[in-house]
Amino acid sequence: MFFTSKEKSAIVKISNMMIQADGKVEPKELLFSVTVIQKLNIDNADIARSELLSNTEALDIISRMTDSQKRLICAFLGCLMAVDGNIDKTEQALWSLISTLCNLPTMTLREAIEEMKELA
């Protein structure tokens, strides 16, 4: 799946939002995030640009993605929330908020995991 540099930066921004949502940065979250970032061909320049984006800008970029891109983003966030084995209420609320603001598809955690398996 193709993402522009702007889109890649927005993906990094919101993935960092999810990683930090519960106030704990777990190694499993970082490892999963890095794995997906590599699969999506996100490079260091995209990561650096993500730091310049506001949360609002990142959400706006994601809201304009295609349906298939949004499906992948939703699955990524869902798996990122669950990868450490502890689904925090703050993470759930963030997943729901991002999904609503960006018009992401509705999916269960099981569907998110299945979607991410296809990426792998």
PDB file of N, CA and C in Angstrom:
ATOM      1  N   MET A   1       0.847  -1.177   0.000  1.00  0.00           N
ATOM      2  CA  MET A   1       0.000   0.000   0.000  1.00  0.00           C
ATOM      3  C   MET A   1       0.895   1.243   0.000  1.00  0.00           C
ATOM      4  N   PHE A   2       0.521   2.215  -0.794  1.00  0.00           N
ATOM      5  CA  PHE A   2       1.321   3.430  -0.933  1.00  0.00           C
ATOM      6  C   PHE A   2       0.815   4.525   0.003  1.00  0.00           C
ATOM      7  N   PHE A   3       1.756   5.174   0.676  1.00  0.00           N
ATOM      8  CA  PHE A   3       1.484   6.351   1.499  1.00  0.00           C
ATOM      9  C   PHE A   3       2.453   7.448   1.090  1.00  0.00           C
ATOM     10  N   THR A   4       1.969   8.687   1.038  1.00  0.00           N
ATOM     11  CA  THR A   4       2.849   9.821   0.768  1.00  0.00           C
ATOM     12  C   THR A   4       3.704  10.088   2.005  1.00  0.00           C
ATOM     13  N   SER A   5       4.714  10.917   1.857  1.00  0.00           N
ATOM     14  CA  SER A   5       5.554  11.272   3.001  1.00  0.00           C
ATOM     15  C   SER A   5       4.745  11.939   4.108  1.00  0.00           C
ATOM     16  N   LYS A   6       3.811  12.810   3.713  1.00  0.00           N
ATOM     17  CA  LYS A   6       2.945  13.469   4.702  1.00  0.00           C
ATOM     18  C   LYS A   6       2.119  12.443   5.461  1.00  0.00           C
ATOM     19  N   GLU A   7       1.568  11.493   4.728  1.00  0.00           N
ATOM     20  CA  GLU A   7       0.752  10.454   5.357  1.00  0.00           C
ATOM     21  C   GLU A   7       1.595   9.596   6.296  1.00  0.00           C
ATOM     22  N   LYS A   8       2.793   9.275   5.872  1.00  0.00           N
ATOM     23  CA  LYS A   8       3.692   8.486   6.728  1.00  0.00           C
ATOM     24  C   LYS A   8       4.002   9.232   8.019  1.00  0.00           C
ATOM     25  N   SER A   9       4.240  10.522   7.911  1.00  0.00           N
ATOM     26  CA  SER A   9       4.518  11.330   9.105  1.00  0.00           C
ATOM     27  C   SER A   9       3.309  11.355  10.031  1.00  0.00           C
ATOM     28  N   ALA A  10       2.115  11.437   9.462  1.00  0.00           N
ATOM     29  CA  ALA A  10       0.895  11.431  10.271  1.00  0.00           C
ATOM     30  C   ALA A  10       0.711  10.085  10.972  1.00  0.00           C
ATOM     31  N   ILE A  11       1.045   9.009  10.294  1.00  0.00           N
ATOM     32  CA  ILE A  11       0.962   7.676  10.901  1.00  0.00           C
ATOM     33  C   ILE A  11       1.888   7.583  12.109  1.00  0.00           C
ATOM     34  N   VAL A  12       3.102   8.073  11.962  1.00  0.00           N
ATOM     35  CA  VAL A  12       4.049   8.065  13.079  1.00  0.00           C
ATOM     36  C   VAL A  12       3.505   8.898  14.243  1.00  0.00           C
ATOM     37  N   LYS A  13       2.953  10.062  13.921  1.00  0.00           N
ATOM     38  CA  LYS A  13       2.423  10.959  14.960  1.00  0.00           C
ATOM     39  C   LYS A  13       1.328  10.278  15.765  1.00  0.00           C
ATOM     40  N   ILE A  14       0.352   9.682  15.080  1.00  0.00           N
ATOM     41  CA  ILE A  14      -0.745   9.075  15.838  1.00  0.00           C
ATOM     42  C   ILE A  14      -0.332   7.776  16.525  1.00  0.00           C
ATOM     43  N   SER A  15       0.640   7.068  15.959  1.00  0.00           N
ATOM     44  CA  SER A  15       1.111   5.857  16.647  1.00  0.00           C
ATOM     45  C   SER A  15       1.808   6.250  17.947  1.00  0.00           C
ATOM     46  N   ASN A  16       2.538   7.348  17.921  1.00  0.00           N
ATOM     47  CA  ASN A  16       3.170   7.840  19.155  1.00  0.00           C
ATOM     48  C   ASN A  16       2.125   8.293  20.165  1.00  0.00           C
ATOM     49  N   MET A  17       1.023   8.871  19.683  1.00  0.00           N
ATOM     50  CA  MET A  17      -0.068   9.241  20.584  1.00  0.00           C
ATOM     51  C   MET A  17      -0.601   8.012  21.304  1.00  0.00           C
ATOM     52  N   MET A  18      -0.773   6.909  20.561  1.00  0.00           N
ATOM     53  CA  MET A  18      -1.302   5.686  21.158  1.00  0.00           C
ATOM     54  C   MET A  18      -0.295   5.072  22.129  1.00  0.00           C
ATOM     55  N   ILE A  19       0.966   5.063  21.753  1.00  0.00           N
ATOM     56  CA  ILE A  19       1.997   4.499  22.624  1.00  0.00           C
ATOM     57  C   ILE A  19       2.034   5.233  23.965  1.00  0.00           C
ATOM     58  N   GLN A  20       1.837   6.527  23.933  1.00  0.00           N
ATOM     59  CA  GLN A  20       1.944   7.338  25.143  1.00  0.00           C
ATOM     60  C   GLN A  20       0.618   7.528  25.881  1.00  0.00           C
ATOM     61  N   ALA A  21      -0.480   7.010  25.331  1.00  0.00           N
ATOM     62  CA  ALA A  21      -1.815   7.271  25.877  1.00  0.00           C
ATOM     63  C   ALA A  21      -1.978   6.846  27.333  1.00  0.00           C
ATOM     64  N   ASP A  22      -1.423   5.705  27.698  1.00  0.00           N
ATOM     65  CA  ASP A  22      -1.611   5.210  29.066  1.00  0.00           C
ATOM     66  C   ASP A  22      -0.516   5.674  30.023  1.00  0.00           C
ATOM     67  N   GLY A  23       0.379   6.522  29.532  1.00  0.00           N
ATOM     68  CA  GLY A  23       1.444   7.050  30.389  1.00  0.00           C
ATOM     69  C   GLY A  23       2.633   6.114  30.546  1.00  0.00           C
ATOM     70  N   LYS A  24       2.585   4.965  29.876  1.00  0.00           N
ATOM     71  CA  LYS A  24       3.686   4.004  29.946  1.00  0.00           C
ATOM     72  C   LYS A  24       4.104   3.629  28.529  1.00  0.00           C
ATOM     73  N   VAL A  25       5.379   3.681  28.275  1.00  0.00           N
ATOM     74  CA  VAL A  25       5.909   3.253  26.977  1.00  0.00           C
ATOM     75  C   VAL A  25       6.487   1.863  27.172  1.00  0.00           C
ATOM     76  N   GLU A  26       5.786   0.880  26.635  1.00  0.00           N
ATOM     77  CA  GLU A  26       6.187  -0.515  26.799  1.00  0.00           C
ATOM     78  C   GLU A  26       7.075  -0.958  25.633  1.00  0.00           C
ATOM     79  N   PRO A  27       8.105  -1.772  25.913  1.00  0.00           N
ATOM     80  CA  PRO A  27       8.972  -2.260  24.837  1.00  0.00           C
ATOM     81  C   PRO A  27       8.213  -2.971  23.720  1.00  0.00           C
ATOM     82  N   LYS A  28       7.164  -3.741  24.047  1.00  0.00           N
ATOM     83  CA  LYS A  28       6.391  -4.446  23.024  1.00  0.00           C
ATOM     84  C   LYS A  28       5.701  -3.457  22.078  1.00  0.00           C
ATOM     85  N   GLU A  29       5.254  -2.330  22.623  1.00  0.00           N
ATOM     86  CA  GLU A  29       4.612  -1.308  21.789  1.00  0.00           C
ATOM     87  C   GLU A  29       5.631  -0.713  20.814  1.00  0.00           C
ATOM     88  N   LEU A  30       6.807  -0.417  21.328  1.00  0.00           N
ATOM     89  CA  LEU A  30       7.854   0.161  20.479  1.00  0.00           C
ATOM     90  C   LEU A  30       8.281  -0.819  19.389  1.00  0.00           C
ATOM     91  N   LEU A  31       8.473  -2.076  19.757  1.00  0.00           N
ATOM     92  CA  LEU A  31       8.882  -3.094  18.791  1.00  0.00           C
ATOM     93  C   LEU A  31       7.828  -3.268  17.701  1.00  0.00           C
ATOM     94  N   PHE A  32       6.570  -3.342  18.096  1.00  0.00           N
ATOM     95  CA  PHE A  32       5.492  -3.487  17.114  1.00  0.00           C
ATOM     96  C   PHE A  32       5.438  -2.264  16.203  1.00  0.00           C
ATOM     97  N   SER A  33       5.545  -1.086  16.783  1.00  0.00           N
ATOM     98  CA  SER A  33       5.512   0.150  16.007  1.00  0.00           C
ATOM     99  C   SER A  33       6.645   0.196  14.991  1.00  0.00           C
ATOM    100  N   VAL A  34       7.842  -0.147  15.418  1.00  0.00           N
ATOM    101  CA  VAL A  34       9.000  -0.154  14.514  1.00  0.00           C
ATOM    102  C   VAL A  34       8.794  -1.153  13.381  1.00  0.00           C
ATOM    103  N   THR A  35       8.253  -2.313  13.701  1.00  0.00           N
ATOM    104  CA  THR A  35       7.997  -3.339  12.688  1.00  0.00           C
ATOM    105  C   THR A  35       7.038  -2.821  11.617  1.00  0.00           C
ATOM    106  N   VAL A  36       5.954  -2.192  12.039  1.00  0.00           N
ATOM    107  CA  VAL A  36       4.979  -1.657  11.086  1.00  0.00           C
ATOM    108  C   VAL A  36       5.589  -0.500  10.297  1.00  0.00           C
ATOM    109  N   ILE A  37       6.315   0.356  10.972  1.00  0.00           N
ATOM    110  CA  ILE A  37       6.972   1.489  10.303  1.00  0.00           C
ATOM    111  C   ILE A  37       7.898   0.981   9.197  1.00  0.00           C
ATOM    112  N   GLN A  38       8.624  -0.074   9.470  1.00  0.00           N
ATOM    113  CA  GLN A  38       9.509  -0.648   8.450  1.00  0.00           C
ATOM    114  C   GLN A  38       8.698  -1.227   7.295  1.00  0.00           C
ATOM    115  N   LYS A  39       7.601  -1.935   7.597  1.00  0.00           N
ATOM    116  CA  LYS A  39       6.766  -2.533   6.558  1.00  0.00           C
ATOM    117  C   LYS A  39       6.156  -1.472   5.639  1.00  0.00           C
ATOM    118  N   LEU A  40       5.891  -0.299   6.204  1.00  0.00           N
ATOM    119  CA  LEU A  40       5.292   0.786   5.430  1.00  0.00           C
ATOM    120  C   LEU A  40       6.340   1.683   4.772  1.00  0.00           C
ATOM    121  N   ASN A  41       7.591   1.290   4.872  1.00  0.00           N
ATOM    122  CA  ASN A  41       8.694   2.051   4.269  1.00  0.00           C
ATOM    123  C   ASN A  41       8.758   3.497   4.762  1.00  0.00           C
ATOM    124  N   ILE A  42       8.522   3.667   6.043  1.00  0.00           N
ATOM    125  CA  ILE A  42       8.628   4.983   6.657  1.00  0.00           C
ATOM    126  C   ILE A  42      10.086   5.189   7.036  1.00  0.00           C
ATOM    127  N   ASP A  43      10.664   6.271   6.536  1.00  0.00           N
ATOM    128  CA  ASP A  43      12.081   6.496   6.790  1.00  0.00           C
ATOM    129  C   ASP A  43      12.304   7.565   7.863  1.00  0.00           C
ATOM    130  N   ASN A  44      13.577   7.812   8.175  1.00  0.00           N
ATOM    131  CA  ASN A  44      13.925   8.757   9.237  1.00  0.00           C
ATOM    132  C   ASN A  44      13.431  10.167   8.950  1.00  0.00           C
ATOM    133  N   ALA A  45      13.403  10.553   7.683  1.00  0.00           N
ATOM    134  CA  ALA A  45      12.901  11.892   7.326  1.00  0.00           C
ATOM    135  C   ALA A  45      11.410  12.003   7.642  1.00  0.00           C
ATOM    136  N   ASP A  46      10.652  10.933   7.362  1.00  0.00           N
ATOM    137  CA  ASP A  46       9.222  10.924   7.687  1.00  0.00           C
ATOM    138  C   ASP A  46       9.019  11.016   9.196  1.00  0.00           C
ATOM    139  N   ILE A  47       9.848  10.299   9.940  1.00  0.00           N
ATOM    140  CA  ILE A  47       9.760  10.316  11.401  1.00  0.00           C
ATOM    141  C   ILE A  47      10.092  11.712  11.923  1.00  0.00           C
ATOM    142  N   ALA A  48      11.134  12.326  11.383  1.00  0.00           N
ATOM    143  CA  ALA A  48      11.514  13.682  11.808  1.00  0.00           C
ATOM    144  C   ALA A  48      10.391  14.673  11.506  1.00  0.00           C
ATOM    145  N   ARG A  49       9.769  14.540  10.333  1.00  0.00           N
ATOM    146  CA  ARG A  49       8.655  15.434   9.972  1.00  0.00           C
ATOM    147  C   ARG A  49       7.455  15.240  10.884  1.00  0.00           C
ATOM    148  N   SER A  50       7.288  14.043  11.416  1.00  0.00           N
ATOM    149  CA  SER A  50       6.145  13.787  12.301  1.00  0.00           C
ATOM    150  C   SER A  50       6.219  14.652  13.557  1.00  0.00           C
ATOM    151  N   GLU A  51       7.424  14.960  13.981  1.00  0.00           N
ATOM    152  CA  GLU A  51       7.597  15.782  15.174  1.00  0.00           C
ATOM    153  C   GLU A  51       7.173  17.226  14.936  1.00  0.00           C
ATOM    154  N   LEU A  52       7.128  17.640  13.682  1.00  0.00           N
ATOM    155  CA  LEU A  52       6.726  19.003  13.329  1.00  0.00           C
ATOM    156  C   LEU A  52       5.212  19.130  13.158  1.00  0.00           C
ATOM    157  N   LEU A  53       4.529  17.991  13.036  1.00  0.00           N
ATOM    158  CA  LEU A  53       3.077  18.002  12.871  1.00  0.00           C
ATOM    159  C   LEU A  53       2.384  18.178  14.215  1.00  0.00           C
ATOM    160  N   SER A  54       1.332  18.962  14.220  1.00  0.00           N
ATOM    161  CA  SER A  54       0.482  18.998  15.413  1.00  0.00           C
ATOM    162  C   SER A  54      -0.430  17.770  15.360  1.00  0.00           C
ATOM    163  N   ASN A  55      -1.016  17.436  16.485  1.00  0.00           N
ATOM    164  CA  ASN A  55      -1.960  16.315  16.506  1.00  0.00           C
ATOM    165  C   ASN A  55      -3.112  16.572  15.536  1.00  0.00           C
ATOM    166  N   THR A  56      -3.590  17.808  15.503  1.00  0.00           N
ATOM    167  CA  THR A  56      -4.698  18.179  14.623  1.00  0.00           C
ATOM    168  C   THR A  56      -4.322  18.002  13.161  1.00  0.00           C
ATOM    169  N   GLU A  57      -3.120  18.418  12.792  1.00  0.00           N
ATOM    170  CA  GLU A  57      -2.668  18.248  11.406  1.00  0.00           C
ATOM    171  C   GLU A  57      -2.590  16.778  11.032  1.00  0.00           C
ATOM    172  N   ALA A  58      -2.062  15.962  11.941  1.00  0.00           N
ATOM    173  CA  ALA A  58      -1.954  14.524  11.673  1.00  0.00           C
ATOM    174  C   ALA A  58      -3.340  13.910  11.473  1.00  0.00           C
ATOM    175  N   LEU A  59      -4.275  14.277  12.321  1.00  0.00           N
ATOM    176  CA  LEU A  59      -5.630  13.749  12.205  1.00  0.00           C
ATOM    177  C   LEU A  59      -6.294  14.200  10.900  1.00  0.00           C
ATOM    178  N   ASP A  60      -6.036  15.429  10.501  1.00  0.00           N
ATOM    179  CA  ASP A  60      -6.589  15.936   9.249  1.00  0.00           C
ATOM    180  C   ASP A  60      -6.042  15.148   8.053  1.00  0.00           C
ATOM    181  N   ILE A  61      -4.753  14.875   8.074  1.00  0.00           N
ATOM    182  CA  ILE A  61      -4.130  14.109   6.983  1.00  0.00           C
ATOM    183  C   ILE A  61      -4.748  12.712   6.910  1.00  0.00           C
ATOM    184  N   ILE A  62      -4.896  12.084   8.060  1.00  0.00           N
ATOM    185  CA  ILE A  62      -5.453  10.728   8.091  1.00  0.00           C
ATOM    186  C   ILE A  62      -6.916  10.732   7.644  1.00  0.00           C
ATOM    187  N   SER A  63      -7.653  11.761   7.999  1.00  0.00           N
ATOM    188  CA  SER A  63      -9.071  11.821   7.620  1.00  0.00           C
ATOM    189  C   SER A  63      -9.265  11.891   6.107  1.00  0.00           C
ATOM    190  N   ARG A  64      -8.240  12.308   5.370  1.00  0.00           N
ATOM    191  CA  ARG A  64      -8.335  12.421   3.920  1.00  0.00           C
ATOM    192  C   ARG A  64      -7.767  11.205   3.181  1.00  0.00           C
ATOM    193  N   MET A  65      -7.372  10.173   3.913  1.00  0.00           N
ATOM    194  CA  MET A  65      -6.840   8.964   3.283  1.00  0.00           C
ATOM    195  C   MET A  65      -7.965   8.152   2.647  1.00  0.00           C
ATOM    196  N   THR A  66      -7.568   7.187   1.814  1.00  0.00           N
ATOM    197  CA  THR A  66      -8.545   6.291   1.190  1.00  0.00           C
ATOM    198  C   THR A  66      -9.108   5.328   2.237  1.00  0.00           C
ATOM    199  N   ASP A  67     -10.205   4.685   1.905  1.00  0.00           N
ATOM    200  CA  ASP A  67     -10.820   3.729   2.829  1.00  0.00           C
ATOM    201  C   ASP A  67      -9.875   2.588   3.184  1.00  0.00           C
ATOM    202  N   SER A  68      -9.132   2.080   2.221  1.00  0.00           N
ATOM    203  CA  SER A  68      -8.215   0.969   2.513  1.00  0.00           C
ATOM    204  C   SER A  68      -7.066   1.440   3.407  1.00  0.00           C
ATOM    205  N   GLN A  69      -6.593   2.654   3.198  1.00  0.00           N
ATOM    206  CA  GLN A  69      -5.552   3.196   4.072  1.00  0.00           C
ATOM    207  C   GLN A  69      -6.092   3.372   5.493  1.00  0.00           C
ATOM    208  N   LYS A  70      -7.307   3.886   5.593  1.00  0.00           N
ATOM    209  CA  LYS A  70      -7.922   4.089   6.907  1.00  0.00           C
ATOM    210  C   LYS A  70      -8.115   2.757   7.632  1.00  0.00           C
ATOM    211  N   ARG A  71      -8.446   1.721   6.892  1.00  0.00           N
ATOM    212  CA  ARG A  71      -8.624   0.404   7.505  1.00  0.00           C
ATOM    213  C   ARG A  71      -7.305  -0.067   8.127  1.00  0.00           C
ATOM    214  N   LEU A  72      -6.218   0.127   7.407  1.00  0.00           N
ATOM    215  CA  LEU A  72      -4.909  -0.254   7.931  1.00  0.00           C
ATOM    216  C   LEU A  72      -4.549   0.574   9.171  1.00  0.00           C
ATOM    217  N   ILE A  73      -4.808   1.866   9.134  1.00  0.00           N
ATOM    218  CA  ILE A  73      -4.508   2.747  10.271  1.00  0.00           C
ATOM    219  C   ILE A  73      -5.307   2.316  11.490  1.00  0.00           C
ATOM    220  N   CYS A  74      -6.577   2.039  11.298  1.00  0.00           N
ATOM    221  CA  CYS A  74      -7.427   1.614  12.409  1.00  0.00           C
ATOM    222  C   CYS A  74      -6.909   0.311  13.021  1.00  0.00           C
ATOM    223  N   ALA A  75      -6.538  -0.627  12.171  1.00  0.00           N
ATOM    224  CA  ALA A  75      -6.006  -1.908  12.647  1.00  0.00           C
ATOM    225  C   ALA A  75      -4.687  -1.708  13.384  1.00  0.00           C
ATOM    226  N   PHE A  76      -3.825  -0.861  12.847  1.00  0.00           N
ATOM    227  CA  PHE A  76      -2.536  -0.569  13.476  1.00  0.00           C
ATOM    228  C   PHE A  76      -2.753  -0.015  14.880  1.00  0.00           C
ATOM    229  N   LEU A  77      -3.637   0.956  15.015  1.00  0.00           N
ATOM    230  CA  LEU A  77      -3.886   1.545  16.332  1.00  0.00           C
ATOM    231  C   LEU A  77      -4.481   0.526  17.296  1.00  0.00           C
ATOM    232  N   GLY A  78      -5.402  -0.298  16.810  1.00  0.00           N
ATOM    233  CA  GLY A  78      -5.993  -1.315  17.671  1.00  0.00           C
ATOM    234  C   GLY A  78      -4.963  -2.309  18.176  1.00  0.00           C
ATOM    235  N   CYS A  79      -4.104  -2.766  17.288  1.00  0.00           N
ATOM    236  CA  CYS A  79      -3.057  -3.717  17.688  1.00  0.00           C
ATOM    237  C   CYS A  79      -2.030  -3.054  18.597  1.00  0.00           C
ATOM    238  N   LEU A  80      -1.715  -1.824  18.312  1.00  0.00           N
ATOM    239  CA  LEU A  80      -0.762  -1.094  19.141  1.00  0.00           C
ATOM    240  C   LEU A  80      -1.296  -0.953  20.564  1.00  0.00           C
ATOM    241  N   MET A  81      -2.585  -0.776  20.680  1.00  0.00           N
ATOM    242  CA  MET A  81      -3.237  -0.656  21.986  1.00  0.00           C
ATOM    243  C   MET A  81      -3.142  -1.965  22.766  1.00  0.00           C
ATOM    244  N   ALA A  82      -3.224  -3.086  22.065  1.00  0.00           N
ATOM    245  CA  ALA A  82      -3.324  -4.382  22.727  1.00  0.00           C
ATOM    246  C   ALA A  82      -2.019  -5.155  22.836  1.00  0.00           C
ATOM    247  N   VAL A  83      -0.992  -4.744  22.114  1.00  0.00           N
ATOM    248  CA  VAL A  83       0.223  -5.553  21.993  1.00  0.00           C
ATOM    249  C   VAL A  83       0.920  -5.822  23.327  1.00  0.00           C
ATOM    250  N   ASP A  84       0.761  -4.939  24.298  1.00  0.00           N
ATOM    251  CA  ASP A  84       1.424  -5.153  25.584  1.00  0.00           C
ATOM    252  C   ASP A  84       0.609  -6.035  26.528  1.00  0.00           C
ATOM    253  N   GLY A  85      -0.570  -6.489  26.064  1.00  0.00           N
ATOM    254  CA  GLY A  85      -1.388  -7.380  26.881  1.00  0.00           C
ATOM    255  C   GLY A  85      -2.269  -6.653  27.871  1.00  0.00           C
ATOM    256  N   ASN A  86      -2.228  -5.339  27.882  1.00  0.00           N
ATOM    257  CA  ASN A  86      -3.029  -4.551  28.809  1.00  0.00           C
ATOM    258  C   ASN A  86      -3.719  -3.428  28.032  1.00  0.00           C
ATOM    259  N   ILE A  87      -5.024  -3.544  27.867  1.00  0.00           N
ATOM    260  CA  ILE A  87      -5.770  -2.518  27.152  1.00  0.00           C
ATOM    261  C   ILE A  87      -6.310  -1.519  28.165  1.00  0.00           C
ATOM    262  N   ASP A  88      -5.699  -0.368  28.164  1.00  0.00           N
ATOM    263  CA  ASP A  88      -6.046   0.696  29.101  1.00  0.00           C
ATOM    264  C   ASP A  88      -7.272   1.462  28.585  1.00  0.00           C
ATOM    265  N   LYS A  89      -8.087   1.976  29.499  1.00  0.00           N
ATOM    266  CA  LYS A  89      -9.276   2.738  29.106  1.00  0.00           C
ATOM    267  C   LYS A  89      -8.904   3.988  28.310  1.00  0.00           C
ATOM    268  N   THR A  90      -7.769   4.582  28.634  1.00  0.00           N
ATOM    269  CA  THR A  90      -7.321   5.772  27.903  1.00  0.00           C
ATOM    270  C   THR A  90      -6.982   5.409  26.463  1.00  0.00           C
ATOM    271  N   GLU A  91      -6.360   4.254  26.274  1.00  0.00           N
ATOM    272  CA  GLU A  91      -6.044   3.791  24.919  1.00  0.00           C
ATOM    273  C   GLU A  91      -7.320   3.512  24.137  1.00  0.00           C
ATOM    274  N   GLN A  92      -8.285   2.873  24.783  1.00  0.00           N
ATOM    275  CA  GLN A  92      -9.563   2.600  24.125  1.00  0.00           C
ATOM    276  C   GLN A  92     -10.245   3.901  23.711  1.00  0.00           C
ATOM    277  N   ALA A  93     -10.220   4.871  24.607  1.00  0.00           N
ATOM    278  CA  ALA A  93     -10.849   6.160  24.317  1.00  0.00           C
ATOM    279  C   ALA A  93     -10.143   6.860  23.154  1.00  0.00           C
ATOM    280  N   LEU A  94      -8.818   6.767  23.110  1.00  0.00           N
ATOM    281  CA  LEU A  94      -8.069   7.392  22.023  1.00  0.00           C
ATOM    282  C   LEU A  94      -8.373   6.705  20.694  1.00  0.00           C
ATOM    283  N   TRP A  95      -8.414   5.380  20.683  1.00  0.00           N
ATOM    284  CA  TRP A  95      -8.742   4.635  19.460  1.00  0.00           C
ATOM    285  C   TRP A  95     -10.121   5.059  18.945  1.00  0.00           C
ATOM    286  N   SER A  96     -11.066   5.160  19.853  1.00  0.00           N
ATOM    287  CA  SER A  96     -12.420   5.571  19.495  1.00  0.00           C
ATOM    288  C   SER A  96     -12.448   7.009  18.983  1.00  0.00           C
ATOM    289  N   LEU A  97     -11.737   7.897  19.654  1.00  0.00           N
ATOM    290  CA  LEU A  97     -11.713   9.312  19.255  1.00  0.00           C
ATOM    291  C   LEU A  97     -11.079   9.491  17.878  1.00  0.00           C
ATOM    292  N   ILE A  98      -9.922   8.872  17.668  1.00  0.00           N
ATOM    293  CA  ILE A  98      -9.253   8.977  16.364  1.00  0.00           C
ATOM    294  C   ILE A  98     -10.145   8.382  15.276  1.00  0.00           C
ATOM    295  N   SER A  99     -10.766   7.254  15.574  1.00  0.00           N
ATOM    296  CA  SER A  99     -11.649   6.608  14.604  1.00  0.00           C
ATOM    297  C   SER A  99     -12.812   7.532  14.229  1.00  0.00           C
ATOM    298  N   THR A 100     -13.378   8.197  15.209  1.00  0.00           N
ATOM    299  CA  THR A 100     -14.494   9.104  14.954  1.00  0.00           C
ATOM    300  C   THR A 100     -14.033  10.337  14.177  1.00  0.00           C
ATOM    301  N   LEU A 101     -12.965  10.981  14.645  1.00  0.00           N
ATOM    302  CA  LEU A 101     -12.491  12.215  14.012  1.00  0.00           C
ATOM    303  C   LEU A 101     -12.012  11.993  12.580  1.00  0.00           C
ATOM    304  N   CYS A 102     -11.445  10.824  12.325  1.00  0.00           N
ATOM    305  CA  CYS A 102     -10.872  10.546  10.998  1.00  0.00           C
ATOM    306  C   CYS A 102     -11.775   9.681  10.129  1.00  0.00           C
ATOM    307  N   ASN A 103     -12.955   9.348  10.653  1.00  0.00           N
ATOM    308  CA  ASN A 103     -13.902   8.502   9.926  1.00  0.00           C
ATOM    309  C   ASN A 103     -13.266   7.166   9.539  1.00  0.00           C
ATOM    310  N   LEU A 104     -12.582   6.560  10.514  1.00  0.00           N
ATOM    311  CA  LEU A 104     -11.992   5.242  10.299  1.00  0.00           C
ATOM    312  C   LEU A 104     -13.098   4.190  10.390  1.00  0.00           C
ATOM    313  N   PRO A 105     -12.900   3.042   9.773  1.00  0.00           N
ATOM    314  CA  PRO A 105     -13.933   2.005   9.846  1.00  0.00           C
ATOM    315  C   PRO A 105     -14.046   1.454  11.264  1.00  0.00           C
ATOM    316  N   THR A 106     -15.214   0.965  11.568  1.00  0.00           N
ATOM    317  CA  THR A 106     -15.426   0.315  12.861  1.00  0.00           C
ATOM    318  C   THR A 106     -14.894  -1.107  12.749  1.00  0.00           C
ATOM    319  N   MET A 107     -14.100  -1.512  13.741  1.00  0.00           N
ATOM    320  CA  MET A 107     -13.601  -2.885  13.747  1.00  0.00           C
ATOM    321  C   MET A 107     -13.354  -3.342  15.171  1.00  0.00           C
ATOM    322  N   THR A 108     -13.443  -4.631  15.355  1.00  0.00           N
ATOM    323  CA  THR A 108     -13.135  -5.216  16.646  1.00  0.00           C
ATOM    324  C   THR A 108     -11.629  -5.402  16.753  1.00  0.00           C
ATOM    325  N   LEU A 109     -11.181  -5.685  17.938  1.00  0.00           N
ATOM    326  CA  LEU A 109      -9.761  -5.959  18.141  1.00  0.00           C
ATOM    327  C   LEU A 109      -9.333  -7.198  17.352  1.00  0.00           C
ATOM    328  N   ARG A 110     -10.191  -8.194  17.309  1.00  0.00           N
ATOM    329  CA  ARG A 110      -9.887  -9.408  16.536  1.00  0.00           C
ATOM    330  C   ARG A 110      -9.717  -9.069  15.051  1.00  0.00           C
ATOM    331  N   GLU A 111     -10.592  -8.218  14.521  1.00  0.00           N
ATOM    332  CA  GLU A 111     -10.474  -7.801  13.124  1.00  0.00           C
ATOM    333  C   GLU A 111      -9.190  -7.007  12.899  1.00  0.00           C
ATOM    334  N   ALA A 112      -8.829  -6.177  13.870  1.00  0.00           N
ATOM    335  CA  ALA A 112      -7.589  -5.400  13.761  1.00  0.00           C
ATOM    336  C   ALA A 112      -6.382  -6.327  13.680  1.00  0.00           C
ATOM    337  N   ILE A 113      -6.380  -7.345  14.508  1.00  0.00           N
ATOM    338  CA  ILE A 113      -5.261  -8.299  14.506  1.00  0.00           C
ATOM    339  C   ILE A 113      -5.191  -9.041  13.179  1.00  0.00           C
ATOM    340  N   GLU A 114      -6.327  -9.470  12.654  1.00  0.00           N
ATOM    341  CA  GLU A 114      -6.359 -10.163  11.368  1.00  0.00           C
ATOM    342  C   GLU A 114      -5.851  -9.251  10.236  1.00  0.00           C
ATOM    343  N   GLU A 115      -6.256  -7.998  10.276  1.00  0.00           N
ATOM    344  CA  GLU A 115      -5.821  -7.030   9.270  1.00  0.00           C
ATOM    345  C   GLU A 115      -4.299  -6.847   9.316  1.00  0.00           C
ATOM    346  N   MET A 116      -3.749  -6.776  10.499  1.00  0.00           N
ATOM    347  CA  MET A 116      -2.292  -6.584  10.632  1.00  0.00           C
ATOM    348  C   MET A 116      -1.525  -7.831  10.240  1.00  0.00           C
ATOM    349  N   LYS A 117      -2.122  -9.007  10.428  1.00  0.00           N
ATOM    350  CA  LYS A 117      -1.467 -10.239   9.975  1.00  0.00           C
ATOM    351  C   LYS A 117      -1.283 -10.221   8.464  1.00  0.00           C
ATOM    352  N   GLU A 118      -2.250  -9.626   7.759  1.00  0.00           N
ATOM    353  CA  GLU A 118      -2.141  -9.530   6.303  1.00  0.00           C
ATOM    354  C   GLU A 118      -0.973  -8.640   5.888  1.00  0.00           C
ATOM    355  N   LEU A 119      -0.680  -7.617   6.683  1.00  0.00           N
ATOM    356  CA  LEU A 119       0.451  -6.734   6.392  1.00  0.00           C
ATOM    357  C   LEU A 119       1.757  -7.490   6.542  1.00  0.00           C
ATOM    358  N   ALA A 120       1.810  -8.347   7.554  1.00  0.00           N
ATOM    359  CA  ALA A 120       3.019  -9.118   7.823  1.00  0.00           C
ATOM    360  C   ALA A 120       3.231 -10.127   6.723  1.00  0.00           C
TER     361      ALA A 120
END
